[in-house]
C-alpha cells in the first residue's frame, strides 16, 4: 500500500507540475471563476433581481460558468493545454451534466437540509454532511473527466471512493487542513452542495452564516487578501492534482500499477 501511494502521488505530482508549467494561467482560474459568478450576481441583483425566477436563473448561469471551467480543465488534464479556440462552446459542453447534478443536489438539500437538520440537530447533521461530502467527493471529476451526469455521476463517485478511499482522502485532508489553517475553510460548514465546486476553490459555508470564497479578495483587507489569493492558487494546484490522480486511479488497481500500468 505505502509503495503504491508513493508511486501514484509522485506520478500525479509530476503530471500536475508539467501541466501547470505549460499552462500557468490555470493558477488564476479560481479567481476568474469567482469574479465571473459574483460579478453576474451583483449586476443581476442590482438591475433585475427580486423575482421568483432568481433561483432558476442563478442555477443556469452557474451551470454555464462551471461548464466552461470544466471544459478548460478537461483539456488540461487530457491534452496538457488550455485552449480558448472553442471558448464560446465551452459554456454548453458540460452544461447538461452540471445542471443534472445541480438538480439532484437541490432535491437532496431540501430533503436532507430541511427535514433531517431539524429532526437530528446541528451536530449529527454536520457529521452526516461530512460523510456525504467524503463519500461522493470526486463528483466534479466524474463530470468533467468521464462525462457522467445525473445519478450515474453520484454512483460512480461513490464507487470510486470505495475502491480508492485512502489514495484520495490523504490529499483532500491536506488541502482542507491548509484551508482551515488560513481561515478559508470551515470544516463543520462543508456540505454536499460544495462537491461540484471543489476544483474552483469555492465553499458555500452554512456555518457561520454567509458566503466566503475567492471573491473576498475584493471584500477584505490586509493579511486576509494574501491568504485568499494564496488559497486560490493552492486550490488551482489541488484541482489539477485531483484530475491527474483521478485519471491514474480510475479503472486501475494496485496490482496493475505494480506492473507499471498507469492511465495518464
Protein backbone atom coordinates (compact mmCIF):
# COMPACT_ATOMS: atom_id res chain seq x y z
CA UNK A 1 0.00 0.00 0.00
CA UNK A 2 2.68 2.52 1.02
CA UNK A 3 4.72 1.82 -2.08
CA UNK A 4 1.69 2.23 -4.29
CA UNK A 5 0.77 5.50 -2.57
CA UNK A 6 4.27 6.81 -3.18
CA UNK A 7 4.24 5.81 -6.87
CA UNK A 8 0.78 7.24 -7.50
CA UNK A 9 1.42 10.54 -5.72
CA UNK A 10 4.82 11.08 -7.35
CA UNK A 11 3.39 10.44 -10.80
CA UNK A 12 0.40 12.68 -10.09
CA UNK A 13 2.67 15.48 -8.86
CA UNK A 14 4.92 15.12 -11.88
CA UNK A 15 1.94 15.37 -14.23
CA UNK A 16 0.50 18.25 -12.22
CA UNK A 17 3.54 20.47 -12.44
CA UNK A 18 4.09 19.57 -16.09
CA UNK A 19 0.57 20.71 -16.94
CA UNK A 20 0.82 23.87 -14.83
CA UNK A 21 4.23 24.67 -16.32
CA UNK A 22 2.72 24.60 -19.81
CA UNK A 23 -0.46 26.44 -18.74
CA UNK A 24 0.29 28.77 -15.79
CA UNK A 25 -2.97 30.63 -16.36
CA UNK A 26 -4.68 27.77 -14.52
CA UNK A 27 -3.35 29.24 -11.27
CA UNK A 28 -5.72 32.22 -11.53
CA UNK A 29 -8.74 30.30 -12.77
CA UNK A 30 -10.42 30.09 -9.33
CA UNK A 31 -10.24 33.89 -9.05
CA UNK A 32 -11.54 34.34 -12.60
CA UNK A 33 -14.41 31.96 -11.87
CA UNK A 34 -15.25 33.84 -8.70
CA UNK A 35 -15.13 37.19 -10.48
CA UNK A 36 -17.41 35.93 -13.23
CA UNK A 37 -20.04 34.37 -10.97
CA UNK A 38 -20.09 37.06 -8.31
CA UNK A 39 -19.94 39.80 -10.93
CA UNK A 40 -23.04 38.37 -12.53
CA UNK A 41 -24.83 38.07 -9.19
CA UNK A 42 -24.01 41.68 -8.35
CA UNK A 43 -25.22 43.07 -11.68
CA UNK A 44 -28.30 40.86 -11.73
CA UNK A 45 -29.27 41.80 -8.18
CA UNK A 46 -28.81 45.49 -8.88
CA UNK A 47 -30.84 45.60 -12.09
CA UNK A 48 -33.04 42.50 -12.38
CA UNK A 49 -33.19 40.74 -9.01
CA UNK A 50 -36.17 40.09 -6.80
CA UNK A 51 -38.24 37.77 -8.99
CA UNK A 52 -39.46 34.22 -8.45
CA UNK A 53 -37.14 33.13 -11.25
CA UNK A 54 -33.94 34.17 -9.46
CA UNK A 55 -33.07 30.66 -8.25
CA UNK A 56 -33.53 29.10 -11.69
CA UNK A 57 -31.55 31.85 -13.41
CA UNK A 58 -28.69 31.59 -10.93
CA UNK A 59 -28.54 27.81 -11.36
CA UNK A 60 -28.46 28.11 -15.16
CA UNK A 61 -25.72 30.75 -15.10
CA UNK A 62 -23.63 28.80 -12.59
CA UNK A 63 -24.00 25.68 -14.74
CA UNK A 64 -22.82 27.64 -17.79
CA UNK A 65 -19.79 29.03 -15.95
CA UNK A 66 -18.94 25.63 -14.46
CA UNK A 67 -19.29 24.02 -17.87
CA UNK A 68 -16.72 26.45 -19.26
CA UNK A 69 -14.42 25.88 -16.28
CA UNK A 70 -14.70 22.11 -16.59
CA UNK A 71 -14.11 22.19 -20.35
CA UNK A 72 -10.83 24.04 -19.81
CA UNK A 73 -9.86 21.63 -17.03
CA UNK A 74 -10.71 18.65 -19.22
CA UNK A 75 -8.42 19.90 -22.00
CA UNK A 76 -5.66 20.45 -19.44
CA UNK A 77 -5.95 17.01 -17.86
CA UNK A 78 -6.24 15.13 -21.15
CA UNK A 79 -4.11 17.16 -23.56
CA UNK A 80 -1.83 19.39 -21.44
CA UNK A 81 -3.37 22.52 -22.91
CA UNK A 82 -5.99 25.15 -22.16
CA UNK A 83 -7.20 26.44 -25.50
CA UNK A 84 -9.59 29.35 -25.96
CA UNK A 85 -10.24 28.36 -29.57
CA UNK A 86 -13.69 26.97 -28.75
CA UNK A 87 -14.28 29.19 -25.72
CA UNK A 88 -17.91 30.03 -26.52
CA UNK A 89 -18.88 26.38 -26.97
CA UNK A 90 -17.28 25.52 -23.62
CA UNK A 91 -20.26 27.11 -21.85
CA UNK A 92 -22.52 24.33 -23.11
CA UNK A 93 -20.05 21.42 -23.33
CA UNK A 94 -20.81 20.15 -19.81
CA UNK A 95 -23.97 22.12 -19.17
CA UNK A 96 -26.28 19.10 -19.19
CA UNK A 97 -24.03 17.14 -16.83
CA UNK A 98 -23.62 20.02 -14.39
CA UNK A 99 -27.28 21.01 -14.36
CA UNK A 100 -28.40 17.41 -13.80
CA UNK A 101 -26.07 17.22 -10.79
CA UNK A 102 -27.41 20.56 -9.55
CA UNK A 103 -30.93 19.16 -9.67
CA UNK A 104 -30.08 16.11 -7.57
CA UNK A 105 -28.17 18.23 -5.05
CA UNK A 106 -31.11 20.62 -4.87
CA UNK A 107 -33.56 17.79 -4.10
CA UNK A 108 -31.15 16.24 -1.59
CA UNK A 109 -30.66 19.61 0.11
CA UNK A 110 -34.40 20.05 0.55
CA UNK A 111 -34.91 16.57 1.97
CA UNK A 112 -31.72 16.38 3.98
CA UNK A 113 -31.19 20.03 4.88
CA UNK A 114 -34.70 20.95 5.93
CA UNK A 115 -36.05 17.64 7.20
CA UNK A 116 -33.12 15.88 8.81
CA UNK A 117 -31.39 19.00 10.13
CA UNK A 118 -34.45 19.99 12.13
CA UNK A 119 -35.01 16.50 13.50
CA UNK A 120 -31.41 15.45 14.16
CA UNK A 121 -29.92 18.67 15.47
CA UNK A 122 -26.78 20.52 14.40
CA UNK A 123 -24.01 18.08 15.36
CA UNK A 124 -25.43 14.88 13.76
CA UNK A 125 -26.41 16.93 10.71
CA UNK A 126 -22.86 18.18 10.16
CA UNK A 127 -21.39 14.74 10.78
CA UNK A 128 -23.66 13.20 8.15
CA UNK A 129 -22.92 16.11 5.79
CA UNK A 130 -19.20 15.44 6.15
CA UNK A 131 -19.71 11.73 5.48
CA UNK A 132 -21.65 12.50 2.31
CA UNK A 133 -19.01 15.05 1.31
CA UNK A 134 -16.31 12.39 1.60
CA UNK A 135 -18.37 9.59 0.08
CA UNK A 136 -19.14 11.47 -3.14
CA UNK A 137 -16.02 13.65 -3.20
CA UNK A 138 -14.79 13.06 -6.78
CA UNK A 139 -18.15 14.17 -8.21
CA UNK A 140 -16.64 17.00 -10.24
CA UNK A 141 -14.08 14.67 -11.82
CA UNK A 142 -16.83 12.21 -12.72
CA UNK A 143 -18.49 15.08 -14.58
CA UNK A 144 -15.64 16.71 -16.48
CA UNK A 145 -13.23 13.78 -16.91
CA UNK A 146 -15.67 10.92 -17.51
CA UNK A 147 -18.67 12.93 -18.73
CA UNK A 148 -21.09 11.34 -16.26
CA UNK A 149 -24.31 13.05 -15.33
CA UNK A 150 -27.44 12.69 -13.20
CA UNK A 151 -27.48 9.78 -10.73
CA UNK A 152 -24.69 7.95 -12.58
CA UNK A 153 -22.21 10.64 -11.56
CA UNK A 154 -23.03 10.06 -7.88
CA UNK A 155 -22.98 6.27 -8.20
CA UNK A 156 -19.60 6.25 -9.92
CA UNK A 157 -18.17 8.82 -7.50
CA UNK A 158 -19.18 6.61 -4.56
CA UNK A 159 -17.79 3.51 -6.28
CA UNK A 160 -14.51 5.32 -6.93
CA UNK A 161 -14.23 6.34 -3.26
CA UNK A 162 -14.99 2.82 -2.10
CA UNK A 163 -12.08 1.49 -4.17
CA UNK A 164 -9.61 4.34 -3.70
CA UNK A 165 -10.53 5.87 -0.35
CA UNK A 166 -7.03 6.02 1.16
CA UNK A 167 -5.36 7.33 -2.01
CA UNK A 168 -7.98 10.06 -2.42
CA UNK A 169 -8.56 11.09 1.18
CA UNK A 170 -4.96 11.94 2.13
CA UNK A 171 -4.54 14.84 -0.35
CA UNK A 172 -8.07 16.02 0.47
CA UNK A 173 -7.29 16.18 4.19
CA UNK A 174 -4.09 18.10 3.47
CA UNK A 175 -5.97 20.56 1.25
CA UNK A 176 -8.78 21.10 3.74
CA UNK A 177 -6.24 21.35 6.55
CA UNK A 178 -4.37 24.13 4.75
CA UNK A 179 -7.64 25.91 4.01
CA UNK A 180 -8.72 25.59 7.62
CA UNK A 181 -5.35 26.78 8.85
CA UNK A 182 -5.55 30.04 6.90
CA UNK A 183 -9.24 30.55 7.61
CA UNK A 184 -10.53 29.80 4.10
CA UNK A 185 -12.38 26.60 5.01
CA UNK A 186 -14.58 25.80 7.99
CA UNK A 187 -14.89 22.04 8.25
CA UNK A 188 -18.25 21.96 10.12
CA UNK A 189 -19.75 24.07 7.34
CA UNK A 190 -18.89 21.76 4.45
CA UNK A 191 -21.96 20.31 2.74
CA UNK A 192 -22.74 18.12 -0.23
CA UNK A 193 -23.54 21.30 -2.18
CA UNK A 194 -19.81 22.08 -2.25
CA UNK A 195 -18.85 18.89 -4.12
CA UNK A 196 -19.28 20.11 -7.69
CA UNK A 197 -17.33 23.28 -6.92
CA UNK A 198 -14.19 21.74 -5.38
CA UNK A 199 -11.93 22.38 -8.43
CA UNK A 200 -12.90 26.08 -8.29
CA UNK A 201 -11.91 26.59 -4.65
CA UNK A 202 -15.49 27.63 -3.86
CA UNK A 203 -17.08 26.92 -0.49
CA UNK A 204 -20.65 27.91 0.33
CA UNK A 205 -20.48 27.77 4.11
CA UNK A 206 -23.53 27.07 6.19
CA UNK A 207 -21.68 27.96 9.43
CA UNK A 208 -21.08 30.68 10.12
CA UNK A 209 -23.86 32.20 8.07
CA UNK A 210 -22.61 33.91 4.98
CA UNK A 211 -20.70 33.37 1.77
CA UNK A 212 -16.93 33.13 1.59
CA UNK A 213 -14.80 32.33 -1.43
CA UNK A 214 -12.12 33.90 -3.59
CA UNK A 215 -14.41 36.90 -4.12
CA UNK A 216 -13.22 38.02 -0.67
CA UNK A 217 -10.12 39.35 -2.44
CA UNK A 218 -12.24 42.43 -3.04
CA UNK A 219 -14.18 42.49 0.21
CA UNK A 220 -11.42 42.12 2.78
CA UNK A 221 -8.18 43.91 3.50
CA UNK A 222 -4.75 43.32 4.96
CA UNK A 223 -3.44 39.80 5.52
CA UNK A 224 -6.74 38.18 4.60
CA UNK A 225 -6.23 39.29 0.98
CA UNK A 226 -2.92 37.47 0.88
CA UNK A 227 -4.47 34.34 2.39
CA UNK A 228 -7.34 34.46 -0.10
CA UNK A 229 -5.02 34.74 -3.11
CA UNK A 230 -2.80 32.05 -1.63
CA UNK A 231 -5.72 29.67 -1.12
CA UNK A 232 -6.92 30.36 -4.66
CA UNK A 233 -3.53 29.31 -6.05
CA UNK A 234 -3.44 26.28 -3.76
CA UNK A 235 -6.95 25.36 -4.95
CA UNK A 236 -5.83 25.57 -8.57
CA UNK A 237 -2.83 23.31 -7.93
CA UNK A 238 -5.01 20.89 -5.99
CA UNK A 239 -7.63 20.85 -8.76
CA UNK A 240 -5.01 19.83 -11.35
CA UNK A 241 -3.55 17.27 -8.94
CA UNK A 242 -7.04 15.81 -8.35
CA UNK A 243 -7.58 15.47 -12.07
CA UNK A 244 -4.23 13.72 -12.58
CA UNK A 245 -4.79 11.47 -9.56
CA UNK A 246 -8.31 10.60 -10.71
CA UNK A 247 -7.09 9.54 -14.16
CA UNK A 248 -4.43 7.29 -12.65
CA UNK A 249 -6.71 5.64 -10.10
CA UNK A 250 -9.88 5.30 -12.18
CA UNK A 251 -10.06 1.91 -13.83
CA UNK A 252 -6.75 0.73 -12.39
CA UNK A 253 -5.73 -1.26 -9.33
CA UNK A 254 -2.69 -1.66 -7.12
CA UNK A 255 -1.91 -4.91 -8.92
CA UNK A 256 -1.96 -3.26 -12.34
CA UNK A 257 0.07 -0.32 -11.10
CA UNK A 258 2.66 -2.65 -9.57
CA UNK A 259 3.41 -3.74 -13.15
CA UNK A 260 3.77 -0.17 -14.32
CA UNK A 261 0.28 0.26 -15.80
CA UNK A 262 -0.99 3.80 -15.49
CA UNK A 263 -3.90 5.53 -17.19
CA UNK A 264 -2.47 9.02 -17.59
